[in-house]
C-alpha atoms as a PDB file:
ATOM      1  CA  UNK A   1     -20.695 -27.514  -7.054  1.00  0.00           C
ATOM      2  CA  UNK A   2     -18.455 -26.884 -10.055  1.00  0.00           C
ATOM      3  CA  UNK A   3     -20.401 -26.667 -13.297  1.00  0.00           C
ATOM      4  CA  UNK A   4     -23.490 -28.486 -12.120  1.00  0.00           C
ATOM      5  CA  UNK A   5     -26.685 -26.782 -13.177  1.00  0.00           C
ATOM      6  CA  UNK A   6     -28.753 -25.210 -10.416  1.00  0.00           C
ATOM      7  CA  UNK A   7     -31.894 -27.205  -9.701  1.00  0.00           C
ATOM      8  CA  UNK A   8     -34.280 -26.481  -6.855  1.00  0.00           C
ATOM      9  CA  UNK A   9     -33.645 -29.936  -5.428  1.00  0.00           C
ATOM     10  CA  UNK A  10     -29.930 -29.070  -5.236  1.00  0.00           C
ATOM     11  CA  UNK A  11     -30.305 -25.882  -3.241  1.00  0.00           C
ATOM     12  CA  UNK A  12     -29.835 -27.193   0.308  1.00  0.00           C
ATOM     13  CA  UNK A  13     -26.592 -28.918  -0.667  1.00  0.00           C
ATOM     14  CA  UNK A  14     -25.053 -26.784  -3.391  1.00  0.00           C
ATOM     15  CA  UNK A  15     -26.188 -23.193  -3.201  1.00  0.00           C
ATOM     16  CA  UNK A  16     -23.219 -21.032  -2.047  1.00  0.00           C
ATOM     17  CA  UNK A  17     -24.828 -18.838   0.539  1.00  0.00           C
ATOM     18  CA  UNK A  18     -22.936 -15.601   0.841  1.00  0.00           C
ATOM     19  CA  UNK A  19     -24.251 -13.970   3.972  1.00  0.00           C
ATOM     20  CA  UNK A  20     -26.630 -14.354   6.831  1.00  0.00           C
ATOM     21  CA  UNK A  21     -28.050 -12.233   9.646  1.00  0.00           C
ATOM     22  CA  UNK A  22     -28.436 -14.387  12.724  1.00  0.00           C
ATOM     23  CA  UNK A  23     -27.969 -14.633  16.475  1.00  0.00           C
ATOM     24  CA  UNK A  24     -25.989 -16.685  18.979  1.00  0.00           C
ATOM     25  CA  UNK A  25     -28.256 -19.509  20.125  1.00  0.00           C
ATOM     26  CA  UNK A  26     -28.023 -23.277  20.242  1.00  0.00           C
ATOM     27  CA  UNK A  27     -30.973 -25.137  21.814  1.00  0.00           C
ATOM     28  CA  UNK A  28     -32.643 -28.053  20.008  1.00  0.00           C
ATOM     29  CA  UNK A  29     -35.995 -27.545  18.245  1.00  0.00           C
ATOM     30  CA  UNK A  30     -38.509 -30.392  18.308  1.00  0.00           C
ATOM     31  CA  UNK A  31     -40.815 -29.658  15.380  1.00  0.00           C
ATOM     32  CA  UNK A  32     -43.544 -31.847  16.895  1.00  0.00           C
ATOM     33  CA  UNK A  33     -43.851 -29.200  19.616  1.00  0.00           C
ATOM     34  CA  UNK A  34     -43.906 -25.774  17.950  1.00  0.00           C
ATOM     35  CA  UNK A  35     -42.344 -22.926  19.906  1.00  0.00           C
ATOM     36  CA  UNK A  36     -45.069 -20.298  19.997  1.00  0.00           C
ATOM     37  CA  UNK A  37     -43.972 -16.676  19.866  1.00  0.00           C
ATOM     38  CA  UNK A  38     -45.099 -15.975  23.417  1.00  0.00           C
ATOM     39  CA  UNK A  39     -42.940 -18.790  24.794  1.00  0.00           C
ATOM     40  CA  UNK A  40     -39.870 -17.968  22.705  1.00  0.00           C
ATOM     41  CA  UNK A  41     -38.214 -15.333  24.902  1.00  0.00           C
ATOM     42  CA  UNK A  42     -38.074 -17.428  28.109  1.00  0.00           C
ATOM     43  CA  UNK A  43     -35.782 -19.855  26.238  1.00  0.00           C
ATOM     44  CA  UNK A  44     -33.025 -17.288  26.623  1.00  0.00           C
ATOM     45  CA  UNK A  45     -33.469 -16.358  30.263  1.00  0.00           C
ATOM     46  CA  UNK A  46     -34.283 -19.923  31.371  1.00  0.00           C
ATOM     47  CA  UNK A  47     -31.760 -21.934  29.360  1.00  0.00           C
ATOM     48  CA  UNK A  48     -29.367 -20.205  26.987  1.00  0.00           C
ATOM     49  CA  UNK A  49     -28.107 -17.540  29.375  1.00  0.00           C
ATOM     50  CA  UNK A  50     -27.535 -20.190  32.045  1.00  0.00           C
ATOM     51  CA  UNK A  51     -25.523 -22.305  29.635  1.00  0.00           C
ATOM     52  CA  UNK A  52     -23.401 -19.364  28.439  1.00  0.00           C
ATOM     53  CA  UNK A  53     -22.363 -18.278  31.899  1.00  0.00           C
ATOM     54  CA  UNK A  54     -18.624 -17.562  31.590  1.00  0.00           C
ATOM     55  CA  UNK A  55     -16.040 -16.511  29.019  1.00  0.00           C
ATOM     56  CA  UNK A  56     -15.189 -20.088  28.036  1.00  0.00           C
ATOM     57  CA  UNK A  57     -18.803 -21.066  27.337  1.00  0.00           C
ATOM     58  CA  UNK A  58     -19.524 -17.822  25.478  1.00  0.00           C
ATOM     59  CA  UNK A  59     -16.502 -18.353  23.229  1.00  0.00           C
ATOM     60  CA  UNK A  60     -17.291 -22.036  22.758  1.00  0.00           C
ATOM     61  CA  UNK A  61     -20.852 -21.182  21.647  1.00  0.00           C
ATOM     62  CA  UNK A  62     -19.606 -18.461  19.320  1.00  0.00           C
ATOM     63  CA  UNK A  63     -17.051 -20.743  17.656  1.00  0.00           C
ATOM     64  CA  UNK A  64     -19.662 -23.489  17.250  1.00  0.00           C
ATOM     65  CA  UNK A  65     -22.022 -21.044  15.569  1.00  0.00           C
ATOM     66  CA  UNK A  66     -19.303 -19.833  13.203  1.00  0.00           C
ATOM     67  CA  UNK A  67     -18.430 -23.414  12.242  1.00  0.00           C
ATOM     68  CA  UNK A  68     -22.089 -24.148  11.517  1.00  0.00           C
ATOM     69  CA  UNK A  69     -22.408 -21.085   9.293  1.00  0.00           C
ATOM     70  CA  UNK A  70     -19.244 -21.953   7.420  1.00  0.00           C
ATOM     71  CA  UNK A  71     -20.487 -25.514   6.893  1.00  0.00           C
ATOM     72  CA  UNK A  72     -23.610 -23.987   5.330  1.00  0.00           C
ATOM     73  CA  UNK A  73     -21.377 -22.134   2.824  1.00  0.00           C
ATOM     74  CA  UNK A  74     -21.961 -18.726   4.425  1.00  0.00           C
ATOM     75  CA  UNK A  75     -19.181 -16.290   3.503  1.00  0.00           C
ATOM     76  CA  UNK A  76     -20.510 -13.070   5.052  1.00  0.00           C
ATOM     77  CA  UNK A  77     -22.122 -13.067   8.473  1.00  0.00           C
ATOM     78  CA  UNK A  78     -23.501 -10.346  10.710  1.00  0.00           C
ATOM     79  CA  UNK A  79     -23.840 -12.000  14.087  1.00  0.00           C
ATOM     80  CA  UNK A  80     -26.106 -10.460  16.723  1.00  0.00           C
ATOM     81  CA  UNK A  81     -25.969 -10.639  20.467  1.00  0.00           C
ATOM     82  CA  UNK A  82     -27.302  -8.658  23.421  1.00  0.00           C
ATOM     83  CA  UNK A  83     -24.387  -7.655  25.678  1.00  0.00           C
ATOM     84  CA  UNK A  84     -24.907  -8.805  29.239  1.00  0.00           C
ATOM     85  CA  UNK A  85     -22.972  -8.756  32.461  1.00  0.00           C
ATOM     86  CA  UNK A  86     -22.506 -12.073  34.268  1.00  0.00           C
ATOM     87  CA  UNK A  87     -21.729 -11.143  37.885  1.00  0.00           C
ATOM     88  CA  UNK A  88     -21.873 -14.791  39.010  1.00  0.00           C
ATOM     89  CA  UNK A  89     -18.963 -15.781  36.757  1.00  0.00           C
ATOM     90  CA  UNK A  90     -15.505 -16.264  38.259  1.00  0.00           C
ATOM     91  CA  UNK A  91     -14.169 -13.697  37.725  1.00  0.00           C
ATOM     92  CA  UNK A  92     -17.309 -11.576  37.163  1.00  0.00           C
ATOM     93  CA  UNK A  93     -17.950 -10.559  33.552  1.00  0.00           C
ATOM     94  CA  UNK A  94     -18.987  -7.049  32.517  1.00  0.00           C
ATOM     95  CA  UNK A  95     -20.971  -6.252  29.365  1.00  0.00           C
ATOM     96  CA  UNK A  96     -17.734  -5.110  27.746  1.00  0.00           C
ATOM     97  CA  UNK A  97     -15.970  -8.342  28.742  1.00  0.00           C
ATOM     98  CA  UNK A  98     -18.793 -10.351  27.167  1.00  0.00           C
ATOM     99  CA  UNK A  99     -18.526  -8.449  23.883  1.00  0.00           C
ATOM    100  CA  UNK A 100     -14.726  -8.685  23.864  1.00  0.00           C
ATOM    101  CA  UNK A 101     -14.917 -12.470  24.295  1.00  0.00           C
ATOM    102  CA  UNK A 102     -17.108 -12.753  21.212  1.00  0.00           C
ATOM    103  CA  UNK A 103     -14.986 -10.333  19.186  1.00  0.00           C
ATOM    104  CA  UNK A 104     -11.833 -12.308  20.026  1.00  0.00           C
ATOM    105  CA  UNK A 105     -13.462 -15.511  18.758  1.00  0.00           C
ATOM    106  CA  UNK A 106     -14.656 -13.799  15.596  1.00  0.00           C
ATOM    107  CA  UNK A 107     -11.184 -12.378  14.924  1.00  0.00           C
ATOM    108  CA  UNK A 108      -9.558 -15.770  15.326  1.00  0.00           C
ATOM    109  CA  UNK A 109     -12.042 -17.283  12.874  1.00  0.00           C
ATOM    110  CA  UNK A 110     -11.689 -14.412  10.391  1.00  0.00           C
ATOM    111  CA  UNK A 111      -7.904 -14.817  10.502  1.00  0.00           C
ATOM    112  CA  UNK A 112      -8.206 -18.434   9.395  1.00  0.00           C
ATOM    113  CA  UNK A 113      -7.948 -19.393   5.747  1.00  0.00           C
ATOM    114  CA  UNK A 114     -11.690 -19.937   5.192  1.00  0.00           C
ATOM    115  CA  UNK A 115     -13.925 -17.612   3.140  1.00  0.00           C
ATOM    116  CA  UNK A 116     -16.310 -16.668   5.971  1.00  0.00           C
ATOM    117  CA  UNK A 117     -16.024 -13.059   7.166  1.00  0.00           C
ATOM    118  CA  UNK A 118     -17.985 -12.190  10.298  1.00  0.00           C
ATOM    119  CA  UNK A 119     -18.897  -8.900  11.951  1.00  0.00           C
ATOM    120  CA  UNK A 120     -20.993  -8.151  15.035  1.00  0.00           C
ATOM    121  CA  UNK A 121     -24.220  -6.259  15.738  1.00  0.00           C
ATOM    122  CA  UNK A 122     -25.060  -5.399  19.339  1.00  0.00           C
ATOM    123  CA  UNK A 123     -28.730  -5.686  20.267  1.00  0.00           C
ATOM    124  CA  UNK A 124     -30.611  -3.455  22.692  1.00  0.00           C
ATOM    125  CA  UNK A 125     -33.630  -4.987  24.406  1.00  0.00           C
ATOM    126  CA  UNK A 126     -36.791  -2.903  24.233  1.00  0.00           C
ATOM    127  CA  UNK A 127     -37.072  -3.107  28.027  1.00  0.00           C
ATOM    128  CA  UNK A 128     -33.656  -1.493  28.527  1.00  0.00           C
ATOM    129  CA  UNK A 129     -33.252   1.795  30.314  1.00  0.00           C
ATOM    130  CA  UNK A 130     -31.794   4.645  28.291  1.00  0.00           C
ATOM    131  CA  UNK A 131     -28.667   4.482  30.443  1.00  0.00           C
ATOM    132  CA  UNK A 132     -28.166   0.817  29.630  1.00  0.00           C
ATOM    133  CA  UNK A 133     -28.860   1.410  25.927  1.00  0.00           C
ATOM    134  CA  UNK A 134     -26.342   4.252  25.783  1.00  0.00           C
ATOM    135  CA  UNK A 135     -23.800   2.007  27.494  1.00  0.00           C
ATOM    136  CA  UNK A 136     -24.296  -0.611  24.770  1.00  0.00           C
ATOM    137  CA  UNK A 137     -23.862   2.035  22.076  1.00  0.00           C
ATOM    138  CA  UNK A 138     -20.662   3.246  23.771  1.00  0.00           C
ATOM    139  CA  UNK A 139     -19.312  -0.325  23.817  1.00  0.00           C
ATOM    140  CA  UNK A 140     -20.084  -0.572  20.104  1.00  0.00           C
ATOM    141  CA  UNK A 141     -18.513   2.763  19.194  1.00  0.00           C
ATOM    142  CA  UNK A 142     -15.268   2.006  21.011  1.00  0.00           C
ATOM    143  CA  UNK A 143     -15.003  -1.314  19.158  1.00  0.00           C
ATOM    144  CA  UNK A 144     -15.935  -0.389  15.603  1.00  0.00           C
ATOM    145  CA  UNK A 145     -12.384  -1.039  14.485  1.00  0.00           C
ATOM    146  CA  UNK A 146     -12.641  -4.530  15.971  1.00  0.00           C
ATOM    147  CA  UNK A 147     -15.668  -5.496  13.900  1.00  0.00           C
ATOM    148  CA  UNK A 148     -18.850  -4.033  15.427  1.00  0.00           C
ATOM    149  CA  UNK A 149     -20.946  -2.689  12.552  1.00  0.00           C
ATOM    150  CA  UNK A 150     -24.414  -2.012  13.904  1.00  0.00           C
ATOM    151  CA  UNK A 151     -27.036  -1.683  16.631  1.00  0.00           C
ATOM    152  CA  UNK A 152     -30.320  -3.610  16.714  1.00  0.00           C
ATOM    153  CA  UNK A 153     -33.580  -3.152  18.629  1.00  0.00           C
ATOM    154  CA  UNK A 154     -34.889  -6.509  19.835  1.00  0.00           C
ATOM    155  CA  UNK A 155     -36.901  -8.160  22.591  1.00  0.00           C
ATOM    156  CA  UNK A 156     -40.503  -8.944  23.429  1.00  0.00           C
ATOM    157  CA  UNK A 157     -42.568  -6.561  21.225  1.00  0.00           C
ATOM    158  CA  UNK A 158     -45.289  -6.375  23.862  1.00  0.00           C
ATOM    159  CA  UNK A 159     -42.859  -4.869  26.391  1.00  0.00           C
ATOM    160  CA  UNK A 160     -41.064  -1.552  26.792  1.00  0.00           C
ATOM    161  CA  UNK A 161     -41.497   1.994  25.479  1.00  0.00           C
ATOM    162  CA  UNK A 162     -39.244   2.312  22.461  1.00  0.00           C
ATOM    163  CA  UNK A 163     -39.414   6.105  22.303  1.00  0.00           C
ATOM    164  CA  UNK A 164     -37.334   6.185  25.494  1.00  0.00           C
ATOM    165  CA  UNK A 165     -34.438   4.675  23.533  1.00  0.00           C
ATOM    166  CA  UNK A 166     -34.415   7.213  20.702  1.00  0.00           C
ATOM    167  CA  UNK A 167     -31.255   9.056  21.917  1.00  0.00           C
ATOM    168  CA  UNK A 168     -29.241   5.835  21.948  1.00  0.00           C
ATOM    169  CA  UNK A 169     -30.120   4.972  18.355  1.00  0.00           C
ATOM    170  CA  UNK A 170     -29.586   8.568  17.252  1.00  0.00           C
ATOM    171  CA  UNK A 171     -26.078   8.455  18.734  1.00  0.00           C
ATOM    172  CA  UNK A 172     -25.332   5.159  16.984  1.00  0.00           C
ATOM    173  CA  UNK A 173     -26.564   6.314  13.596  1.00  0.00           C
ATOM    174  CA  UNK A 174     -24.768   9.668  13.777  1.00  0.00           C
ATOM    175  CA  UNK A 175     -21.532   7.840  14.545  1.00  0.00           C
ATOM    176  CA  UNK A 176     -21.891   5.679  11.443  1.00  0.00           C
ATOM    177  CA  UNK A 177     -23.204   2.419  12.881  1.00  0.00           C
ATOM    178  CA  UNK A 178     -25.828   0.506  10.943  1.00  0.00           C
ATOM    179  CA  UNK A 179     -29.278   0.532  12.547  1.00  0.00           C
ATOM    180  CA  UNK A 180     -31.807  -2.289  12.314  1.00  0.00           C
ATOM    181  CA  UNK A 181     -35.006  -2.845  14.300  1.00  0.00           C
ATOM    182  CA  UNK A 182     -37.387  -5.727  14.918  1.00  0.00           C
ATOM    183  CA  UNK A 183     -40.553  -4.316  13.404  1.00  0.00           C
ATOM    184  CA  UNK A 184     -44.254  -5.219  13.193  1.00  0.00           C
ATOM    185  CA  UNK A 185     -43.906  -8.648  14.800  1.00  0.00           C
ATOM    186  CA  UNK A 186     -47.333  -8.924  16.460  1.00  0.00           C
ATOM    187  CA  UNK A 187     -50.917  -8.070  15.406  1.00  0.00           C
ATOM    188  CA  UNK A 188     -51.159  -5.415  18.116  1.00  0.00           C
ATOM    189  CA  UNK A 189     -48.165  -3.520  16.689  1.00  0.00           C
ATOM    190  CA  UNK A 190     -49.016   0.132  17.269  1.00  0.00           C
ATOM    191  CA  UNK A 191     -48.779   2.420  14.229  1.00  0.00           C
ATOM    192  CA  UNK A 192     -47.367   5.251  16.339  1.00  0.00           C
ATOM    193  CA  UNK A 193     -44.623   2.944  17.630  1.00  0.00           C
ATOM    194  CA  UNK A 194     -43.756   1.853  14.093  1.00  0.00           C
ATOM    195  CA  UNK A 195     -43.623   5.507  13.047  1.00  0.00           C
ATOM    196  CA  UNK A 196     -41.351   6.216  16.014  1.00  0.00           C
ATOM    197  CA  UNK A 197     -38.921   3.503  14.947  1.00  0.00           C
ATOM    198  CA  UNK A 198     -38.960   4.705  11.331  1.00  0.00           C
ATOM    199  CA  UNK A 199     -38.110   8.191  12.591  1.00  0.00           C
ATOM    200  CA  UNK A 200     -34.778   6.780  13.811  1.00  0.00           C
ATOM    201  CA  UNK A 201     -33.760   6.259  10.183  1.00  0.00           C
ATOM    202  CA  UNK A 202     -33.138   2.498  10.332  1.00  0.00           C
ATOM    203  CA  UNK A 203     -31.301   0.917   7.428  1.00  0.00           C
ATOM    204  CA  UNK A 204     -33.145  -2.416   7.812  1.00  0.00           C
ATOM    205  CA  UNK A 205     -36.297  -3.677   9.504  1.00  0.00           C
ATOM    206  CA  UNK A 206     -36.849  -7.243  10.689  1.00  0.00           C
ATOM    207  CA  UNK A 207     -39.910  -9.499  10.276  1.00  0.00           C
ATOM    208  CA  UNK A 208     -42.259  -6.698   9.084  1.00  0.00           C
ATOM    209  CA  UNK A 209     -45.404  -8.819   9.380  1.00  0.00           C
ATOM    210  CA  UNK A 210     -48.036  -6.420  10.697  1.00  0.00           C
ATOM    211  CA  UNK A 211     -48.044  -2.902   9.284  1.00  0.00           C
ATOM    212  CA  UNK A 212     -50.756  -0.440   8.235  1.00  0.00           C
ATOM    213  CA  UNK A 213     -50.709   0.330   4.535  1.00  0.00           C
ATOM    214  CA  UNK A 214     -49.295   3.823   5.069  1.00  0.00           C
ATOM    215  CA  UNK A 215     -46.303   2.335   6.923  1.00  0.00           C
ATOM    216  CA  UNK A 216     -45.757  -0.193   4.137  1.00  0.00           C
ATOM    217  CA  UNK A 217     -45.777   2.634   1.615  1.00  0.00           C
ATOM    218  CA  UNK A 218     -43.159   4.529   3.617  1.00  0.00           C
ATOM    219  CA  UNK A 219     -40.939   1.437   3.829  1.00  0.00           C
ATOM    220  CA  UNK A 220     -41.228   1.060   0.059  1.00  0.00           C
ATOM    221  CA  UNK A 221     -40.594   4.770  -0.539  1.00  0.00           C
ATOM    222  CA  UNK A 222     -37.357   4.553   1.442  1.00  0.00           C
ATOM    223  CA  UNK A 223     -36.434   1.227  -0.218  1.00  0.00           C
ATOM    224  CA  UNK A 224     -35.396  -0.152   3.168  1.00  0.00           C
ATOM    225  CA  UNK A 225     -33.861  -3.541   3.714  1.00  0.00           C
ATOM    226  CA  UNK A 226     -36.497  -6.006   4.947  1.00  0.00           C
ATOM    227  CA  UNK A 227     -35.133  -9.028   6.814  1.00  0.00           C
ATOM    228  CA  UNK A 228     -37.350 -12.068   6.153  1.00  0.00           C
ATOM    229  CA  UNK A 229     -37.349 -15.084   8.473  1.00  0.00           C
ATOM    230  CA  UNK A 230     -39.630 -17.696   6.908  1.00  0.00           C
ATOM    231  CA  UNK A 231     -39.139 -20.684   9.214  1.00  0.00           C
ATOM    232  CA  UNK A 232     -39.203 -18.582  12.373  1.00  0.00           C
ATOM    233  CA  UNK A 233     -42.440 -16.846  11.391  1.00  0.00           C
ATOM    234  CA  UNK A 234     -44.183 -20.083  10.417  1.00  0.00           C
ATOM    235  CA  UNK A 235     -42.948 -22.334  13.229  1.00  0.00           C
ATOM    236  CA  UNK A 236     -43.611 -19.709  15.903  1.00  0.00           C
ATOM    237  CA  UNK A 237     -47.131 -19.162  14.493  1.00  0.00           C
ATOM    238  CA  UNK A 238     -46.435 -15.463  13.986  1.00  0.00           C
ATOM    239  CA  UNK A 239     -48.331 -15.127  10.706  1.00  0.00           C
ATOM    240  CA  UNK A 240     -52.016 -14.169  10.501  1.00  0.00           C
ATOM    241  CA  UNK A 241     -54.173 -17.191  11.374  1.00  0.00           C
ATOM    242  CA  UNK A 242     -51.015 -19.250  11.884  1.00  0.00           C
ATOM    243  CA  UNK A 243     -50.375 -19.389   8.130  1.00  0.00           C
ATOM    244  CA  UNK A 244     -47.768 -21.543   6.403  1.00  0.00           C
ATOM    245  CA  UNK A 245     -44.951 -20.698   4.009  1.00  0.00           C
ATOM    246  CA  UNK A 246     -47.361 -20.074   1.125  1.00  0.00           C
ATOM    247  CA  UNK A 247     -49.083 -17.348   3.173  1.00  0.00           C
ATOM    248  CA  UNK A 248     -45.825 -15.691   4.180  1.00  0.00           C
ATOM    249  CA  UNK A 249     -45.511 -11.995   3.312  1.00  0.00           C
ATOM    250  CA  UNK A 250     -42.282 -12.766   1.441  1.00  0.00           C
ATOM    251  CA  UNK A 251     -44.435 -12.894  -1.692  1.00  0.00           C
ATOM    252  CA  UNK A 252     -45.737  -9.365  -1.169  1.00  0.00           C
ATOM    253  CA  UNK A 253     -42.323  -7.904  -0.430  1.00  0.00           C
ATOM    254  CA  UNK A 254     -40.620  -9.833  -3.221  1.00  0.00           C
ATOM    255  CA  UNK A 255     -42.965  -8.068  -5.628  1.00  0.00           C
ATOM    256  CA  UNK A 256     -42.083  -4.723  -4.011  1.00  0.00           C
ATOM    257  CA  UNK A 257     -38.395  -5.589  -4.366  1.00  0.00           C
ATOM    258  CA  UNK A 258     -38.773  -6.329  -8.068  1.00  0.00           C
ATOM    259  CA  UNK A 259     -40.464  -2.942  -8.468  1.00  0.00           C
ATOM    260  CA  UNK A 260     -37.551  -1.235  -6.667  1.00  0.00           C
ATOM    261  CA  UNK A 261     -39.520  -0.574  -3.478  1.00  0.00           C
ATOM    262  CA  UNK A 262     -37.504  -2.615  -0.956  1.00  0.00           C
ATOM    263  CA  UNK A 263     -34.574  -4.991  -0.640  1.00  0.00           C
ATOM    264  CA  UNK A 264     -35.325  -8.414   0.806  1.00  0.00           C
ATOM    265  CA  UNK A 265     -32.757 -10.258   2.879  1.00  0.00           C
ATOM    266  CA  UNK A 266     -33.511 -13.892   3.602  1.00  0.00           C
ATOM    267  CA  UNK A 267     -32.353 -14.517   7.167  1.00  0.00           C
ATOM    268  CA  UNK A 268     -32.428 -16.954  10.028  1.00  0.00           C
ATOM    269  CA  UNK A 269     -33.926 -15.814  13.296  1.00  0.00           C
ATOM    270  CA  UNK A 270     -32.464 -18.372  15.635  1.00  0.00           C
ATOM    271  CA  UNK A 271     -31.363 -21.294  13.534  1.00  0.00           C
ATOM    272  CA  UNK A 272     -30.583 -23.141  16.764  1.00  0.00           C
ATOM    273  CA  UNK A 273     -34.210 -22.940  17.854  1.00  0.00           C
ATOM    274  CA  UNK A 274     -35.954 -23.607  14.540  1.00  0.00           C
ATOM    275  CA  UNK A 275     -33.301 -25.819  12.919  1.00  0.00           C
ATOM    276  CA  UNK A 276     -33.427 -24.152   9.520  1.00  0.00           C
ATOM    277  CA  UNK A 277     -30.044 -23.006   8.181  1.00  0.00           C
ATOM    278  CA  UNK A 278     -29.927 -20.237   5.620  1.00  0.00           C
ATOM    279  CA  UNK A 279     -29.614 -22.635   2.688  1.00  0.00           C
ATOM    280  CA  UNK A 280     -32.955 -24.105   3.762  1.00  0.00           C
ATOM    281  CA  UNK A 281     -34.518 -20.630   3.848  1.00  0.00           C
ATOM    282  CA  UNK A 282     -33.454 -20.105   0.233  1.00  0.00           C
ATOM    283  CA  UNK A 283     -34.838 -23.501  -0.689  1.00  0.00           C
ATOM    284  CA  UNK A 284     -38.189 -22.731   0.950  1.00  0.00           C
ATOM    285  CA  UNK A 285     -38.426 -19.377  -0.830  1.00  0.00           C
ATOM    286  CA  UNK A 286     -37.511 -20.940  -4.182  1.00  0.00           C
ATOM    287  CA  UNK A 287     -39.942 -23.830  -3.770  1.00  0.00           C
ATOM    288  CA  UNK A 288     -42.993 -21.996  -2.455  1.00  0.00           C
ATOM    289  CA  UNK A 289     -42.651 -18.768  -4.438  1.00  0.00           C
ATOM    290  CA  UNK A 290     -41.390 -20.377  -7.646  1.00  0.00           C
ATOM    291  CA  UNK A 291     -38.055 -18.594  -7.830  1.00  0.00           C
ATOM    292  CA  UNK A 292     -35.782 -19.725 -10.612  1.00  0.00           C
ATOM    293  CA  UNK A 293     -32.051 -19.161 -11.030  1.00  0.00           C
ATOM    294  CA  UNK A 294     -32.509 -15.595 -12.286  1.00  0.00           C
ATOM    295  CA  UNK A 295     -34.675 -14.647  -9.318  1.00  0.00           C
ATOM    296  CA  UNK A 296     -32.312 -16.287  -6.832  1.00  0.00           C
ATOM    297  CA  UNK A 297     -29.396 -14.437  -8.398  1.00  0.00           C
ATOM    298  CA  UNK A 298     -31.170 -11.092  -8.095  1.00  0.00           C
ATOM    299  CA  UNK A 299     -32.220 -11.839  -4.530  1.00  0.00           C
ATOM    300  CA  UNK A 300     -28.598 -12.548  -3.621  1.00  0.00           C
ATOM    301  CA  UNK A 301     -27.021  -9.655  -5.482  1.00  0.00           C
ATOM    302  CA  UNK A 302     -29.468  -7.028  -4.204  1.00  0.00           C
ATOM    303  CA  UNK A 303     -28.656  -7.926  -0.601  1.00  0.00           C
ATOM    304  CA  UNK A 304     -25.048  -6.802  -0.958  1.00  0.00           C
ATOM    305  CA  UNK A 305     -26.218  -3.200  -1.055  1.00  0.00           C
ATOM    306  CA  UNK A 306     -27.731  -3.363   2.448  1.00  0.00           C
ATOM    307  CA  UNK A 307     -25.044  -5.210   4.399  1.00  0.00           C
ATOM    308  CA  UNK A 308     -23.184  -3.173   7.026  1.00  0.00           C
ATOM    309  CA  UNK A 309     -19.840  -3.446   5.290  1.00  0.00           C
ATOM    310  CA  UNK A 310     -17.194  -1.309   3.606  1.00  0.00           C
ATOM    311  CA  UNK A 311     -17.130  -1.050  -0.174  1.00  0.00           C
ATOM    312  CA  UNK A 312     -14.142  -3.398  -0.402  1.00  0.00           C
ATOM    313  CA  UNK A 313     -16.121  -6.173   1.294  1.00  0.00           C
ATOM    314  CA  UNK A 314     -19.161  -5.504  -0.890  1.00  0.00           C
ATOM    315  CA  UNK A 315     -16.930  -5.797  -3.951  1.00  0.00           C
ATOM    316  CA  UNK A 316     -15.604  -9.132  -2.661  1.00  0.00           C
ATOM    317  CA  UNK A 317     -19.165 -10.415  -2.344  1.00  0.00           C
ATOM    318  CA  UNK A 318     -20.217  -9.155  -5.773  1.00  0.00           C
ATOM    319  CA  UNK A 319     -17.146 -10.727  -7.351  1.00  0.00           C
ATOM    320  CA  UNK A 320     -17.908 -14.044  -5.695  1.00  0.00           C
ATOM    321  CA  UNK A 321     -21.493 -13.918  -6.950  1.00  0.00           C
ATOM    322  CA  UNK A 322     -20.329 -13.221 -10.491  1.00  0.00           C
ATOM    323  CA  UNK A 323     -17.818 -16.048 -10.287  1.00  0.00           C
ATOM    324  CA  UNK A 324     -20.351 -18.521  -8.976  1.00  0.00           C
ATOM    325  CA  UNK A 325     -23.291 -17.619 -11.183  1.00  0.00           C
ATOM    326  CA  UNK A 326     -21.036 -17.806 -14.234  1.00  0.00           C
ATOM    327  CA  UNK A 327     -20.517 -21.473 -13.387  1.00  0.00           C
ATOM    328  CA  UNK A 328     -24.181 -22.533 -13.124  1.00  0.00           C
END
């Protein structure tokens, strides 16, 4: 990188990506056969969970993911995973064992000399019982000192009654965990359900494709973090009428961000499935929405304010941005 000027054609190779929100997955995506949103979730139950079926495989997958992120010049990572018991493993694995295996791998990587610093967000599936959700929150709370920073609501948006999970997210937020929710992913997203999730006081919302105008206004009023996943939304045909990058709602929310009404975080939602690392997401945003160096710099710097990190880590990130942007 050095003193080379920043050109859009350089972005995939040279842009020093400083953080990413992502998840532990690693199947291969064949772009000649798009993975439609409705067929996305069975990938986990049918393939990924079967491959990650013991402590060794879970740690191997985690380490591989961390190496990939580091190779993409990521220096701050919030990894997400849904804790799960694996009773068929020898010996059987509890949800806590599963989380501890990932945390141990993260710690070993963080203790290395590289610049990447990783923390963990535990996801709660919308179909979970309240008992199971509270168990996940308890696992998170007892491991905050080991690097768990937040709780996420995920899963098939056509399933489950999210209001049943309110106490779990209230407990997490009161205890100081970051809260993020997958939000407005499908055209049938119910306004009352979106209002319910907003009532939990989330710090960030993910995808945010389908929302009534009054919900959009509330998101802007609160200046929430909005996690944008361009390749996922386009390749999974999640956008209205199956639109491409140019039709992505990034443009709308980028305008809101410039007006102080939201903070956009470019993310990957399953880089292993859609084969688009974070550097590629920045490239796509820059290319299709005509972002120059100044806009890219603001996009990067604004994100620091919504990461689930202590002030010392946020200062590290801001200092690195200043150092890098002074060189381009």
